[in-house]
Amino acid sequence: MVELRYLGVIGSGDCGADTAQFAFQVGREVARRGAVLVCGGLGGVMEEACRGCLEAGGTSIGVLPGSSREAANPFVTYALPTGMGEIRNFLVVRFSDVLVALPGEYGTLSEMAVALKAGKKVVALRPTFQIAGVVEFDSPLQAVDEALR
C-alpha cells in the first residue's frame, strides 16, 4: 500500500504577487507528487496553493475557521467548516504530516510553533519568521522536495 502524504501549506490570507506565485507553485508540486494539500481554505496563500493543486489534478482540504462551507476559496476540493475561529490552526497542523510555510503573520507563526512542538517538519519558503529547526528555501520546488523527503 502506498502511503498518502498530507502536506500543510500555511501563510498569509492576504499576500502579494510574488508570494501568490510561490504558493501556486507549491500547490502544483504537491499535486504532481500525489500528496494531499491541507490549508486554512481561505484566500491569499491558501487560495493560490489550492488553485495550483487543482490545476495539476490534485486534492486539497480546506480547514475553515467559520461554520459555512461557502466561505472556502473556489479551488478547495473538500471544505471542512469548524466553527472554531483561529483555533482551527491547530487542526491544520494535526491533519498535516509536514508543513510548508510561506510569508505570513501571527497565525502562520502559531501553526509553525504547534507543528514544531508536535515534532513535525516545517519547511519555509522565504519566511517572515526565522525559527530554529525550520529549514528555509528560496525555491518552491526545493521546499516541496525537502518537505516530502
N, C-alpha and C. Protein backbone atom coordinates (compact mmCIF):
# COMPACT_ATOMS: atom_id res chain seq x y z
N MET A 1 0.84 -1.18 0.00
CA MET A 1 0.00 0.00 0.00
C MET A 1 0.89 1.25 0.00
N VAL A 2 0.59 2.19 -0.87
CA VAL A 2 1.35 3.43 -0.96
C VAL A 2 0.87 4.38 0.13
N GLU A 3 1.82 4.97 0.84
CA GLU A 3 1.48 5.91 1.90
C GLU A 3 1.11 7.26 1.29
N LEU A 4 -0.07 7.75 1.63
CA LEU A 4 -0.52 9.05 1.17
C LEU A 4 -0.01 10.10 2.13
N ARG A 5 0.63 11.14 1.61
CA ARG A 5 1.17 12.21 2.44
C ARG A 5 0.22 13.40 2.43
N TYR A 6 0.08 14.04 3.57
CA TYR A 6 -0.74 15.24 3.72
C TYR A 6 0.20 16.39 4.03
N LEU A 7 0.30 17.33 3.09
CA LEU A 7 1.24 18.44 3.22
C LEU A 7 0.46 19.72 3.50
N GLY A 8 0.71 20.31 4.67
CA GLY A 8 0.06 21.57 5.02
C GLY A 8 0.78 22.74 4.39
N VAL A 9 0.01 23.67 3.84
CA VAL A 9 0.56 24.91 3.30
C VAL A 9 -0.04 26.04 4.12
N ILE A 10 0.85 26.81 4.75
CA ILE A 10 0.40 27.88 5.63
C ILE A 10 1.01 29.19 5.18
N GLY A 11 0.31 30.28 5.45
CA GLY A 11 0.79 31.60 5.06
C GLY A 11 -0.34 32.61 5.15
N SER A 12 -0.07 33.81 4.75
CA SER A 12 -0.99 34.92 4.90
C SER A 12 -2.27 34.76 4.07
N GLY A 13 -3.37 35.21 4.65
CA GLY A 13 -4.64 35.24 3.94
C GLY A 13 -4.73 36.37 2.94
N ASP A 14 -3.73 37.24 2.94
CA ASP A 14 -3.67 38.37 2.02
C ASP A 14 -2.20 38.52 1.64
N CYS A 15 -1.86 38.19 0.39
CA CYS A 15 -0.44 38.20 0.02
C CYS A 15 -0.20 38.93 -1.30
N GLY A 16 1.05 39.31 -1.50
CA GLY A 16 1.45 39.97 -2.73
C GLY A 16 1.65 38.99 -3.87
N ALA A 17 1.94 39.53 -5.03
CA ALA A 17 2.05 38.72 -6.26
C ALA A 17 3.16 37.68 -6.18
N ASP A 18 4.32 38.03 -5.64
CA ASP A 18 5.43 37.07 -5.55
C ASP A 18 5.07 35.89 -4.66
N THR A 19 4.51 36.17 -3.51
CA THR A 19 4.11 35.10 -2.58
C THR A 19 2.99 34.26 -3.19
N ALA A 20 2.05 34.91 -3.87
CA ALA A 20 0.96 34.18 -4.52
C ALA A 20 1.51 33.21 -5.56
N GLN A 21 2.49 33.65 -6.33
CA GLN A 21 3.08 32.78 -7.36
C GLN A 21 3.80 31.60 -6.72
N PHE A 22 4.51 31.84 -5.62
CA PHE A 22 5.17 30.74 -4.91
C PHE A 22 4.15 29.76 -4.36
N ALA A 23 3.06 30.27 -3.78
CA ALA A 23 2.02 29.40 -3.23
C ALA A 23 1.40 28.55 -4.34
N PHE A 24 1.14 29.15 -5.49
CA PHE A 24 0.60 28.41 -6.64
C PHE A 24 1.55 27.27 -7.03
N GLN A 25 2.83 27.58 -7.11
CA GLN A 25 3.83 26.58 -7.49
C GLN A 25 3.94 25.46 -6.46
N VAL A 26 3.84 25.81 -5.17
CA VAL A 26 3.86 24.79 -4.12
C VAL A 26 2.66 23.87 -4.28
N GLY A 27 1.48 24.44 -4.47
CA GLY A 27 0.28 23.64 -4.66
C GLY A 27 0.38 22.71 -5.85
N ARG A 28 0.93 23.21 -6.92
CA ARG A 28 1.10 22.40 -8.13
C ARG A 28 2.05 21.24 -7.87
N GLU A 29 3.15 21.50 -7.18
CA GLU A 29 4.12 20.44 -6.87
C GLU A 29 3.55 19.40 -5.93
N VAL A 30 2.74 19.83 -4.97
CA VAL A 30 2.09 18.89 -4.05
C VAL A 30 1.24 17.91 -4.85
N ALA A 31 0.46 18.43 -5.78
CA ALA A 31 -0.40 17.57 -6.62
C ALA A 31 0.43 16.65 -7.50
N ARG A 32 1.46 17.18 -8.11
CA ARG A 32 2.29 16.37 -9.01
C ARG A 32 2.94 15.19 -8.30
N ARG A 33 3.15 15.32 -7.01
CA ARG A 33 3.80 14.25 -6.25
C ARG A 33 2.81 13.33 -5.55
N GLY A 34 1.53 13.55 -5.83
CA GLY A 34 0.50 12.67 -5.30
C GLY A 34 0.16 12.88 -3.83
N ALA A 35 0.55 14.02 -3.28
CA ALA A 35 0.22 14.32 -1.88
C ALA A 35 -1.10 15.09 -1.83
N VAL A 36 -1.70 15.16 -0.66
CA VAL A 36 -2.91 15.93 -0.43
C VAL A 36 -2.50 17.24 0.23
N LEU A 37 -3.04 18.35 -0.27
CA LEU A 37 -2.75 19.66 0.27
C LEU A 37 -3.76 19.97 1.38
N VAL A 38 -3.26 20.40 2.53
CA VAL A 38 -4.11 20.82 3.65
C VAL A 38 -3.81 22.29 3.91
N CYS A 39 -4.87 23.09 4.09
CA CYS A 39 -4.66 24.51 4.38
C CYS A 39 -5.87 25.06 5.12
N GLY A 40 -5.86 26.35 5.39
CA GLY A 40 -6.96 27.00 6.08
C GLY A 40 -8.16 27.29 5.21
N GLY A 41 -8.04 27.07 3.90
CA GLY A 41 -9.18 27.13 3.00
C GLY A 41 -9.67 28.50 2.58
N LEU A 42 -9.01 29.57 3.01
CA LEU A 42 -9.49 30.90 2.66
C LEU A 42 -8.68 31.49 1.51
N GLY A 43 -8.37 32.80 1.56
CA GLY A 43 -7.71 33.48 0.46
C GLY A 43 -6.20 33.51 0.58
N GLY A 44 -5.59 34.38 -0.22
CA GLY A 44 -4.15 34.59 -0.19
C GLY A 44 -3.35 33.34 -0.52
N VAL A 45 -2.40 33.00 0.34
CA VAL A 45 -1.55 31.83 0.15
C VAL A 45 -2.40 30.57 0.00
N MET A 46 -3.43 30.45 0.81
CA MET A 46 -4.28 29.25 0.80
C MET A 46 -4.98 29.10 -0.55
N GLU A 47 -5.54 30.17 -1.06
CA GLU A 47 -6.26 30.12 -2.34
C GLU A 47 -5.32 29.79 -3.49
N GLU A 48 -4.17 30.42 -3.52
CA GLU A 48 -3.23 30.18 -4.62
C GLU A 48 -2.67 28.76 -4.58
N ALA A 49 -2.38 28.26 -3.38
CA ALA A 49 -1.91 26.88 -3.26
C ALA A 49 -2.98 25.90 -3.74
N CYS A 50 -4.23 26.14 -3.35
CA CYS A 50 -5.33 25.28 -3.79
C CYS A 50 -5.53 25.37 -5.31
N ARG A 51 -5.38 26.56 -5.86
CA ARG A 51 -5.52 26.74 -7.32
C ARG A 51 -4.46 25.94 -8.05
N GLY A 52 -3.21 26.04 -7.60
CA GLY A 52 -2.13 25.27 -8.23
C GLY A 52 -2.37 23.78 -8.11
N CYS A 53 -2.83 23.35 -6.97
CA CYS A 53 -3.11 21.94 -6.72
C CYS A 53 -4.23 21.44 -7.65
N LEU A 54 -5.31 22.19 -7.72
CA LEU A 54 -6.44 21.79 -8.56
C LEU A 54 -6.06 21.74 -10.03
N GLU A 55 -5.34 22.76 -10.51
CA GLU A 55 -4.94 22.81 -11.92
C GLU A 55 -4.02 21.66 -12.29
N ALA A 56 -3.30 21.11 -11.30
CA ALA A 56 -2.41 19.98 -11.56
C ALA A 56 -3.11 18.64 -11.27
N GLY A 57 -4.41 18.69 -11.00
CA GLY A 57 -5.17 17.45 -10.80
C GLY A 57 -5.14 16.90 -9.40
N GLY A 58 -4.74 17.72 -8.42
CA GLY A 58 -4.62 17.24 -7.05
C GLY A 58 -5.85 17.47 -6.20
N THR A 59 -5.71 17.11 -4.94
CA THR A 59 -6.79 17.22 -3.95
C THR A 59 -6.34 18.13 -2.82
N SER A 60 -7.26 19.03 -2.41
CA SER A 60 -6.96 19.91 -1.29
C SER A 60 -8.08 19.84 -0.25
N ILE A 61 -7.68 20.05 0.99
CA ILE A 61 -8.61 20.10 2.11
C ILE A 61 -8.49 21.49 2.73
N GLY A 62 -9.60 22.19 2.84
CA GLY A 62 -9.63 23.50 3.49
C GLY A 62 -10.27 23.39 4.85
N VAL A 63 -9.50 23.67 5.90
CA VAL A 63 -9.99 23.60 7.28
C VAL A 63 -10.41 25.03 7.65
N LEU A 64 -11.69 25.29 7.57
CA LEU A 64 -12.22 26.65 7.68
C LEU A 64 -12.45 27.09 9.11
N PRO A 65 -12.23 28.37 9.41
CA PRO A 65 -12.44 28.86 10.77
C PRO A 65 -13.93 29.02 11.11
N GLY A 66 -14.76 29.27 10.12
CA GLY A 66 -16.18 29.51 10.35
C GLY A 66 -17.03 28.26 10.20
N SER A 67 -18.33 28.48 10.16
CA SER A 67 -19.29 27.38 10.12
C SER A 67 -19.89 27.12 8.75
N SER A 68 -19.42 27.84 7.73
CA SER A 68 -20.02 27.73 6.40
C SER A 68 -19.01 27.23 5.36
N ARG A 69 -19.39 26.20 4.64
CA ARG A 69 -18.54 25.70 3.55
C ARG A 69 -18.38 26.73 2.45
N GLU A 70 -19.38 27.58 2.29
CA GLU A 70 -19.35 28.59 1.23
C GLU A 70 -18.22 29.61 1.41
N ALA A 71 -17.63 29.67 2.58
CA ALA A 71 -16.52 30.60 2.84
C ALA A 71 -15.22 30.12 2.20
N ALA A 72 -15.15 28.87 1.80
CA ALA A 72 -13.92 28.32 1.21
C ALA A 72 -13.61 28.99 -0.11
N ASN A 73 -12.33 29.07 -0.43
CA ASN A 73 -11.97 29.59 -1.74
C ASN A 73 -12.47 28.61 -2.80
N PRO A 74 -12.64 29.08 -4.04
CA PRO A 74 -13.28 28.24 -5.06
C PRO A 74 -12.44 27.06 -5.54
N PHE A 75 -11.21 26.94 -5.07
CA PHE A 75 -10.32 25.87 -5.54
C PHE A 75 -10.16 24.73 -4.53
N VAL A 76 -10.79 24.85 -3.37
CA VAL A 76 -10.75 23.80 -2.35
C VAL A 76 -11.55 22.59 -2.83
N THR A 77 -10.97 21.41 -2.71
CA THR A 77 -11.69 20.18 -3.07
C THR A 77 -12.68 19.81 -1.99
N TYR A 78 -12.23 19.75 -0.73
CA TYR A 78 -13.08 19.40 0.40
C TYR A 78 -12.99 20.49 1.46
N ALA A 79 -14.12 21.14 1.75
CA ALA A 79 -14.17 22.21 2.75
C ALA A 79 -14.70 21.65 4.06
N LEU A 80 -13.93 21.86 5.14
CA LEU A 80 -14.32 21.39 6.46
C LEU A 80 -14.56 22.58 7.37
N PRO A 81 -15.81 23.02 7.53
CA PRO A 81 -16.10 24.14 8.42
C PRO A 81 -16.01 23.70 9.87
N THR A 82 -15.23 24.41 10.68
CA THR A 82 -15.03 24.00 12.07
C THR A 82 -15.81 24.84 13.07
N GLY A 83 -16.11 26.09 12.73
CA GLY A 83 -16.74 26.99 13.68
C GLY A 83 -15.82 27.32 14.85
N MET A 84 -14.51 27.10 14.68
CA MET A 84 -13.56 27.25 15.78
C MET A 84 -12.69 28.50 15.70
N GLY A 85 -12.91 29.35 14.72
CA GLY A 85 -12.08 30.54 14.59
C GLY A 85 -10.61 30.16 14.38
N GLU A 86 -9.74 30.94 14.98
CA GLU A 86 -8.30 30.71 14.80
C GLU A 86 -7.80 29.41 15.42
N ILE A 87 -8.58 28.81 16.30
CA ILE A 87 -8.18 27.53 16.89
C ILE A 87 -8.04 26.48 15.79
N ARG A 88 -8.71 26.70 14.66
CA ARG A 88 -8.60 25.75 13.56
C ARG A 88 -7.17 25.61 13.06
N ASN A 89 -6.29 26.58 13.39
CA ASN A 89 -4.88 26.47 13.01
C ASN A 89 -4.27 25.19 13.57
N PHE A 90 -4.68 24.80 14.75
CA PHE A 90 -4.18 23.56 15.36
C PHE A 90 -4.61 22.35 14.53
N LEU A 91 -5.82 22.41 13.98
CA LEU A 91 -6.30 21.30 13.16
C LEU A 91 -5.54 21.21 11.84
N VAL A 92 -5.22 22.35 11.25
CA VAL A 92 -4.41 22.33 10.02
C VAL A 92 -3.11 21.58 10.29
N VAL A 93 -2.48 21.86 11.41
CA VAL A 93 -1.23 21.19 11.78
C VAL A 93 -1.48 19.71 12.04
N ARG A 94 -2.49 19.38 12.80
CA ARG A 94 -2.78 17.98 13.15
C ARG A 94 -3.10 17.14 11.92
N PHE A 95 -3.79 17.72 10.94
CA PHE A 95 -4.17 16.99 9.74
C PHE A 95 -3.01 16.84 8.76
N SER A 96 -1.90 17.54 9.00
CA SER A 96 -0.76 17.55 8.09
C SER A 96 0.37 16.67 8.62
N ASP A 97 1.09 16.02 7.71
CA ASP A 97 2.28 15.25 8.08
C ASP A 97 3.50 16.16 8.17
N VAL A 98 3.52 17.20 7.35
CA VAL A 98 4.63 18.13 7.24
C VAL A 98 4.04 19.45 6.77
N LEU A 99 4.72 20.57 7.04
CA LEU A 99 4.19 21.87 6.62
C LEU A 99 5.20 22.65 5.79
N VAL A 100 4.68 23.38 4.82
CA VAL A 100 5.45 24.37 4.07
C VAL A 100 4.87 25.72 4.45
N ALA A 101 5.71 26.57 5.04
CA ALA A 101 5.29 27.89 5.48
C ALA A 101 5.75 28.94 4.48
N LEU A 102 4.83 29.75 4.02
CA LEU A 102 5.13 30.90 3.18
C LEU A 102 4.98 32.14 4.05
N PRO A 103 5.38 33.32 3.55
CA PRO A 103 5.28 34.52 4.37
C PRO A 103 3.86 34.69 4.94
N GLY A 104 3.81 35.02 6.22
CA GLY A 104 2.52 35.18 6.89
C GLY A 104 2.65 36.03 8.12
N GLU A 105 1.63 35.95 8.95
CA GLU A 105 1.57 36.76 10.14
C GLU A 105 1.52 35.87 11.37
N TYR A 106 0.87 36.31 12.43
CA TYR A 106 0.88 35.56 13.68
C TYR A 106 0.17 34.21 13.58
N GLY A 107 -0.85 34.09 12.72
CA GLY A 107 -1.50 32.80 12.53
C GLY A 107 -0.53 31.78 11.97
N THR A 108 0.28 32.21 11.01
CA THR A 108 1.31 31.35 10.43
C THR A 108 2.34 30.97 11.48
N LEU A 109 2.74 31.96 12.28
CA LEU A 109 3.70 31.71 13.35
C LEU A 109 3.16 30.68 14.34
N SER A 110 1.87 30.79 14.68
CA SER A 110 1.29 29.83 15.63
C SER A 110 1.29 28.43 15.04
N GLU A 111 0.98 28.30 13.76
CA GLU A 111 0.98 26.98 13.11
C GLU A 111 2.39 26.39 13.08
N MET A 112 3.38 27.23 12.81
CA MET A 112 4.76 26.74 12.81
C MET A 112 5.16 26.25 14.20
N ALA A 113 4.80 27.02 15.22
CA ALA A 113 5.16 26.65 16.60
C ALA A 113 4.48 25.35 17.02
N VAL A 114 3.21 25.21 16.72
CA VAL A 114 2.48 23.99 17.10
C VAL A 114 3.06 22.78 16.36
N ALA A 115 3.40 22.96 15.08
CA ALA A 115 3.97 21.85 14.31
C ALA A 115 5.32 21.42 14.90
N LEU A 116 6.18 22.38 15.21
CA LEU A 116 7.48 22.04 15.77
C LEU A 116 7.33 21.38 17.14
N LYS A 117 6.41 21.87 17.95
CA LYS A 117 6.16 21.27 19.27
C LYS A 117 5.69 19.82 19.12
N ALA A 118 4.93 19.55 18.05
CA ALA A 118 4.42 18.19 17.79
C ALA A 118 5.45 17.30 17.10
N GLY A 119 6.65 17.86 16.83
CA GLY A 119 7.71 17.07 16.20
C GLY A 119 7.57 16.94 14.70
N LYS A 120 6.79 17.82 14.08
CA LYS A 120 6.60 17.77 12.63
C LYS A 120 7.61 18.66 11.92
N LYS A 121 7.99 18.25 10.73
CA LYS A 121 8.92 19.03 9.92
C LYS A 121 8.21 20.27 9.39
N VAL A 122 8.90 21.41 9.47
CA VAL A 122 8.41 22.66 8.90
C VAL A 122 9.47 23.17 7.94
N VAL A 123 9.07 23.36 6.70
CA VAL A 123 9.93 23.90 5.66
C VAL A 123 9.38 25.28 5.32
N ALA A 124 10.25 26.28 5.25
CA ALA A 124 9.80 27.64 4.99
C ALA A 124 10.31 28.14 3.64
N LEU A 125 9.46 28.86 2.96
CA LEU A 125 9.77 29.45 1.66
C LEU A 125 9.77 30.96 1.84
N ARG A 126 10.97 31.54 1.88
CA ARG A 126 11.14 32.98 2.13
C ARG A 126 10.30 33.42 3.33
N PRO A 127 10.60 32.86 4.50
CA PRO A 127 9.74 33.07 5.66
C PRO A 127 9.78 34.49 6.23
N THR A 128 8.70 34.85 6.88
CA THR A 128 8.61 36.10 7.63
C THR A 128 9.38 35.97 8.94
N PHE A 129 9.36 34.74 9.50
CA PHE A 129 9.96 34.47 10.80
C PHE A 129 11.11 33.49 10.66
N GLN A 130 12.23 33.76 11.33
CA GLN A 130 13.33 32.81 11.39
C GLN A 130 13.22 32.07 12.71
N ILE A 131 13.04 30.74 12.62
CA ILE A 131 12.81 29.93 13.81
C ILE A 131 13.76 28.73 13.77
N ALA A 132 14.40 28.47 14.88
CA ALA A 132 15.29 27.31 14.97
C ALA A 132 14.52 26.04 14.64
N GLY A 133 15.13 25.19 13.83
CA GLY A 133 14.50 23.93 13.45
C GLY A 133 13.73 23.99 12.15
N VAL A 134 13.56 25.18 11.59
CA VAL A 134 12.85 25.34 10.32
C VAL A 134 13.87 25.47 9.21
N VAL A 135 13.73 24.64 8.20
CA VAL A 135 14.63 24.67 7.05
C VAL A 135 14.07 25.68 6.05
N GLU A 136 14.91 26.60 5.57
CA GLU A 136 14.46 27.67 4.68
C GLU A 136 14.95 27.47 3.26
N PHE A 137 14.07 27.83 2.29
CA PHE A 137 14.39 27.73 0.87
C PHE A 137 13.88 28.96 0.14
N ASP A 138 14.46 29.21 -1.04
CA ASP A 138 14.01 30.29 -1.92
C ASP A 138 13.24 29.77 -3.12
N SER A 139 13.15 28.46 -3.26
CA SER A 139 12.52 27.84 -4.43
C SER A 139 11.35 26.95 -4.00
N PRO A 140 10.16 27.14 -4.60
CA PRO A 140 9.03 26.26 -4.27
C PRO A 140 9.34 24.79 -4.53
N LEU A 141 10.04 24.48 -5.60
CA LEU A 141 10.39 23.10 -5.92
C LEU A 141 11.27 22.50 -4.83
N GLN A 142 12.29 23.22 -4.39
CA GLN A 142 13.17 22.73 -3.34
C GLN A 142 12.43 22.57 -2.02
N ALA A 143 11.52 23.50 -1.72
CA ALA A 143 10.76 23.41 -0.47
C ALA A 143 9.89 22.16 -0.44
N VAL A 144 9.20 21.87 -1.53
CA VAL A 144 8.35 20.68 -1.58
C VAL A 144 9.21 19.41 -1.59
N ASP A 145 10.34 19.45 -2.30
CA ASP A 145 11.27 18.31 -2.28
C ASP A 145 11.66 17.97 -0.84
N GLU A 146 12.07 18.99 -0.10
CA GLU A 146 12.50 18.76 1.28
C GLU A 146 11.34 18.32 2.16
N ALA A 147 10.19 18.92 1.97
CA ALA A 147 9.02 18.58 2.79
C ALA A 147 8.64 17.11 2.61
N LEU A 148 8.70 16.62 1.40
CA LEU A 148 8.26 15.25 1.12
C LEU A 148 9.39 14.22 1.23
N ARG A 149 10.59 14.67 1.56
CA ARG A 149 11.72 13.76 1.71
C ARG A 149 11.59 12.97 2.98
